[in-house]
Each structure stands twice: as structure tokens, then as C-alpha cells.
Amino acid sequence: MNERSRAALMEAVLTPYRQRDPEGRLAPPPEWWDLPPEALDELFQEGMRARLVEKAMDPQGRSGTVRAVMARLGVQGP
């Protein structure tokens, strides 16, 4: 796998959108399965950085993950 293909796969996996299966459970993006095992640590670190940026940009300091969970629970933020 070349660096450009690997970067494209990682970008697709890092997006906050997650598909759900027919039972409503979160499903990993299809690109996840194409990543080499050695990319997973880097992917985790990139995800953590992305969440920090999201939190810094949100007026309440919430990441996209927190906002998604709150919306799923029907919780309104202040």
C-alpha cells in the first residue's frame, strides 16, 4: 500500500460519521478493514488530536463524539 492510499483510508476512518447496522449498532467504516495493523496506533493518535480540535472549536468544549452521544440520548446541552 502506498502512502497516498494509506492516508486516504485513514482520513475516511477518522471522520466523525459512523454508519449503523440494521439493529442500530455502530459499524466500523469499511476502510477500517483495509488498514494495515501498524497503522492503528497512528490512527488512534490522529483521532485523539481530532477530538481536541473539535473540543477547542465548540463553545461548550464538546467533541463531535460527545455531541453525537447527547443527540442520540435526546439530551439538550446548555
N, C-alpha and C. Protein backbone atom coordinates (compact mmCIF):
# COMPACT_ATOMS: atom_id res chain seq x y z
N MET A 1 0.85 -1.17 0.00
CA MET A 1 0.00 0.00 0.00
C MET A 1 0.90 1.24 0.00
N ASN A 2 0.61 2.16 -0.90
CA ASN A 2 1.43 3.37 -0.94
C ASN A 2 0.91 4.39 0.09
N GLU A 3 1.70 5.40 0.33
CA GLU A 3 1.38 6.39 1.37
C GLU A 3 0.09 7.15 1.06
N ARG A 4 -0.15 7.42 -0.21
CA ARG A 4 -1.38 8.15 -0.59
C ARG A 4 -2.62 7.31 -0.29
N SER A 5 -2.59 6.02 -0.60
CA SER A 5 -3.72 5.13 -0.32
C SER A 5 -3.95 5.01 1.18
N ARG A 6 -2.86 4.87 1.91
CA ARG A 6 -2.95 4.74 3.37
C ARG A 6 -3.54 6.00 3.99
N ALA A 7 -3.10 7.17 3.52
CA ALA A 7 -3.62 8.44 4.03
C ALA A 7 -5.11 8.58 3.73
N ALA A 8 -5.53 8.16 2.55
CA ALA A 8 -6.95 8.24 2.19
C ALA A 8 -7.79 7.32 3.08
N LEU A 9 -7.30 6.13 3.35
CA LEU A 9 -8.02 5.21 4.24
C LEU A 9 -8.12 5.79 5.64
N MET A 10 -7.03 6.34 6.13
CA MET A 10 -7.04 6.90 7.49
C MET A 10 -8.00 8.08 7.58
N GLU A 11 -8.01 8.92 6.58
CA GLU A 11 -8.92 10.07 6.58
C GLU A 11 -10.37 9.61 6.61
N ALA A 12 -10.69 8.58 5.84
CA ALA A 12 -12.06 8.06 5.81
C ALA A 12 -12.47 7.50 7.17
N VAL A 13 -11.54 6.88 7.86
CA VAL A 13 -11.84 6.29 9.17
C VAL A 13 -11.95 7.36 10.25
N LEU A 14 -11.23 8.46 10.10
CA LEU A 14 -11.21 9.50 11.12
C LEU A 14 -12.46 10.39 11.13
N THR A 15 -13.28 10.32 10.12
CA THR A 15 -14.46 11.18 10.10
C THR A 15 -15.37 10.83 11.27
N PRO A 16 -16.12 11.79 11.79
CA PRO A 16 -16.98 11.50 12.94
C PRO A 16 -18.22 10.70 12.59
N TYR A 17 -18.59 10.65 11.32
CA TYR A 17 -19.80 9.92 10.92
C TYR A 17 -19.58 8.42 11.04
N ARG A 18 -20.55 7.72 11.61
CA ARG A 18 -20.50 6.26 11.72
C ARG A 18 -21.82 5.69 11.23
N GLN A 19 -21.72 4.72 10.35
CA GLN A 19 -22.92 4.03 9.89
C GLN A 19 -23.42 3.11 10.99
N ARG A 20 -24.67 2.74 10.87
CA ARG A 20 -25.27 1.81 11.83
C ARG A 20 -25.75 0.58 11.09
N ASP A 21 -25.69 -0.55 11.78
CA ASP A 21 -26.18 -1.78 11.17
C ASP A 21 -27.71 -1.81 11.31
N PRO A 22 -28.38 -2.82 10.76
CA PRO A 22 -29.84 -2.87 10.82
C PRO A 22 -30.42 -2.85 12.24
N GLU A 23 -29.63 -3.28 13.22
CA GLU A 23 -30.11 -3.25 14.62
C GLU A 23 -29.81 -1.92 15.30
N GLY A 24 -29.17 -1.00 14.60
CA GLY A 24 -28.87 0.31 15.16
C GLY A 24 -27.51 0.42 15.82
N ARG A 25 -26.71 -0.64 15.78
CA ARG A 25 -25.37 -0.60 16.39
C ARG A 25 -24.40 0.10 15.45
N LEU A 26 -23.44 0.78 16.04
CA LEU A 26 -22.40 1.43 15.24
C LEU A 26 -21.59 0.37 14.50
N ALA A 27 -21.27 0.69 13.26
CA ALA A 27 -20.47 -0.23 12.44
C ALA A 27 -19.20 0.48 12.02
N PRO A 28 -18.06 -0.19 12.08
CA PRO A 28 -16.82 0.46 11.64
C PRO A 28 -16.89 0.77 10.15
N PRO A 29 -16.24 1.85 9.74
CA PRO A 29 -16.22 2.17 8.31
C PRO A 29 -15.55 1.04 7.54
N PRO A 30 -15.99 0.77 6.32
CA PRO A 30 -15.39 -0.31 5.53
C PRO A 30 -13.87 -0.13 5.37
N GLU A 31 -13.41 1.10 5.33
CA GLU A 31 -11.99 1.37 5.15
C GLU A 31 -11.15 0.84 6.32
N TRP A 32 -11.77 0.71 7.48
CA TRP A 32 -11.07 0.21 8.67
C TRP A 32 -10.40 -1.13 8.38
N TRP A 33 -11.11 -1.99 7.69
CA TRP A 33 -10.63 -3.36 7.44
C TRP A 33 -9.47 -3.39 6.45
N ASP A 34 -9.28 -2.30 5.70
CA ASP A 34 -8.21 -2.25 4.71
C ASP A 34 -6.91 -1.67 5.27
N LEU A 35 -6.96 -1.12 6.47
CA LEU A 35 -5.76 -0.54 7.07
C LEU A 35 -4.82 -1.63 7.57
N PRO A 36 -3.52 -1.42 7.37
CA PRO A 36 -2.58 -2.39 7.93
C PRO A 36 -2.53 -2.26 9.45
N PRO A 37 -2.27 -3.35 10.16
CA PRO A 37 -2.27 -3.30 11.63
C PRO A 37 -1.35 -2.23 12.22
N GLU A 38 -0.22 -1.99 11.58
CA GLU A 38 0.71 -1.00 12.12
C GLU A 38 0.17 0.43 12.02
N ALA A 39 -0.89 0.66 11.27
CA ALA A 39 -1.47 1.99 11.15
C ALA A 39 -2.42 2.31 12.30
N LEU A 40 -2.83 1.31 13.07
CA LEU A 40 -3.86 1.52 14.08
C LEU A 40 -3.41 2.42 15.23
N ASP A 41 -2.17 2.32 15.66
CA ASP A 41 -1.68 3.22 16.71
C ASP A 41 -1.67 4.66 16.21
N GLU A 42 -1.21 4.86 14.99
CA GLU A 42 -1.20 6.20 14.40
C GLU A 42 -2.63 6.72 14.26
N LEU A 43 -3.53 5.86 13.86
CA LEU A 43 -4.93 6.23 13.71
C LEU A 43 -5.51 6.68 15.05
N PHE A 44 -5.20 5.97 16.11
CA PHE A 44 -5.67 6.36 17.44
C PHE A 44 -5.15 7.74 17.81
N GLN A 45 -3.87 7.99 17.60
CA GLN A 45 -3.28 9.29 17.93
C GLN A 45 -3.92 10.41 17.12
N GLU A 46 -4.14 10.17 15.84
CA GLU A 46 -4.79 11.17 14.98
C GLU A 46 -6.22 11.44 15.45
N GLY A 47 -6.92 10.39 15.86
CA GLY A 47 -8.28 10.56 16.37
C GLY A 47 -8.31 11.40 17.63
N MET A 48 -7.34 11.18 18.51
CA MET A 48 -7.26 11.98 19.75
C MET A 48 -7.00 13.44 19.42
N ARG A 49 -6.11 13.70 18.47
CA ARG A 49 -5.85 15.09 18.06
C ARG A 49 -7.10 15.72 17.46
N ALA A 50 -7.82 14.97 16.64
CA ALA A 50 -9.04 15.50 16.03
C ALA A 50 -10.07 15.85 17.09
N ARG A 51 -10.22 15.00 18.12
CA ARG A 51 -11.18 15.30 19.18
C ARG A 51 -10.77 16.57 19.94
N LEU A 52 -9.47 16.78 20.14
CA LEU A 52 -9.01 18.00 20.82
C LEU A 52 -9.36 19.25 20.01
N VAL A 53 -9.19 19.17 18.70
CA VAL A 53 -9.54 20.30 17.83
C VAL A 53 -11.05 20.55 17.89
N GLU A 54 -11.84 19.50 17.82
CA GLU A 54 -13.30 19.64 17.90
C GLU A 54 -13.70 20.32 19.21
N LYS A 55 -13.11 19.87 20.31
CA LYS A 55 -13.43 20.45 21.62
C LYS A 55 -13.04 21.92 21.68
N ALA A 56 -11.89 22.25 21.10
CA ALA A 56 -11.43 23.64 21.13
C ALA A 56 -12.34 24.55 20.31
N MET A 57 -12.97 24.01 19.30
CA MET A 57 -13.83 24.82 18.43
C MET A 57 -15.27 24.91 18.94
N ASP A 58 -15.65 24.06 19.86
CA ASP A 58 -17.02 24.04 20.35
C ASP A 58 -17.18 24.99 21.53
N PRO A 59 -18.24 25.82 21.54
CA PRO A 59 -18.42 26.77 22.66
C PRO A 59 -18.53 26.10 24.03
N GLN A 60 -19.08 24.88 24.08
CA GLN A 60 -19.19 24.17 25.36
C GLN A 60 -18.02 23.22 25.59
N GLY A 61 -17.05 23.20 24.68
CA GLY A 61 -15.89 22.33 24.84
C GLY A 61 -16.18 20.86 24.61
N ARG A 62 -17.17 20.58 23.75
CA ARG A 62 -17.56 19.19 23.49
C ARG A 62 -17.01 18.71 22.15
N SER A 63 -16.63 17.47 22.13
CA SER A 63 -16.17 16.87 20.88
C SER A 63 -17.38 16.43 20.06
N GLY A 64 -17.13 16.08 18.81
CA GLY A 64 -18.20 15.55 17.96
C GLY A 64 -18.79 14.29 18.54
N THR A 65 -17.96 13.49 19.17
CA THR A 65 -18.44 12.25 19.79
C THR A 65 -19.42 12.56 20.92
N VAL A 66 -19.08 13.51 21.77
CA VAL A 66 -19.96 13.89 22.88
C VAL A 66 -21.27 14.44 22.33
N ARG A 67 -21.19 15.30 21.32
CA ARG A 67 -22.42 15.85 20.74
C ARG A 67 -23.30 14.76 20.14
N ALA A 68 -22.68 13.78 19.47
CA ALA A 68 -23.43 12.68 18.86
C ALA A 68 -24.11 11.82 19.92
N VAL A 69 -23.41 11.54 21.00
CA VAL A 69 -24.00 10.72 22.08
C VAL A 69 -25.15 11.49 22.74
N MET A 70 -24.95 12.76 22.99
CA MET A 70 -26.01 13.56 23.61
C MET A 70 -27.23 13.61 22.71
N ALA A 71 -27.02 13.79 21.41
CA ALA A 71 -28.15 13.83 20.48
C ALA A 71 -28.87 12.48 20.47
N ARG A 72 -28.13 11.41 20.48
CA ARG A 72 -28.74 10.07 20.47
C ARG A 72 -29.57 9.84 21.74
N LEU A 73 -29.11 10.40 22.86
CA LEU A 73 -29.84 10.26 24.11
C LEU A 73 -30.97 11.27 24.25
N GLY A 74 -31.01 12.24 23.34
CA GLY A 74 -32.04 13.27 23.41
C GLY A 74 -31.76 14.31 24.46
N VAL A 75 -30.50 14.48 24.82
CA VAL A 75 -30.10 15.45 25.84
C VAL A 75 -29.76 16.78 25.17
N GLN A 76 -30.36 17.84 25.67
CA GLN A 76 -30.05 19.18 25.18
C GLN A 76 -28.94 19.78 26.04
N GLY A 77 -27.95 20.35 25.41
CA GLY A 77 -26.88 21.00 26.16
C GLY A 77 -27.26 22.40 26.57
N PRO A 78 -26.51 22.96 27.51
CA PRO A 78 -26.81 24.33 27.97
C PRO A 78 -26.55 25.35 26.90
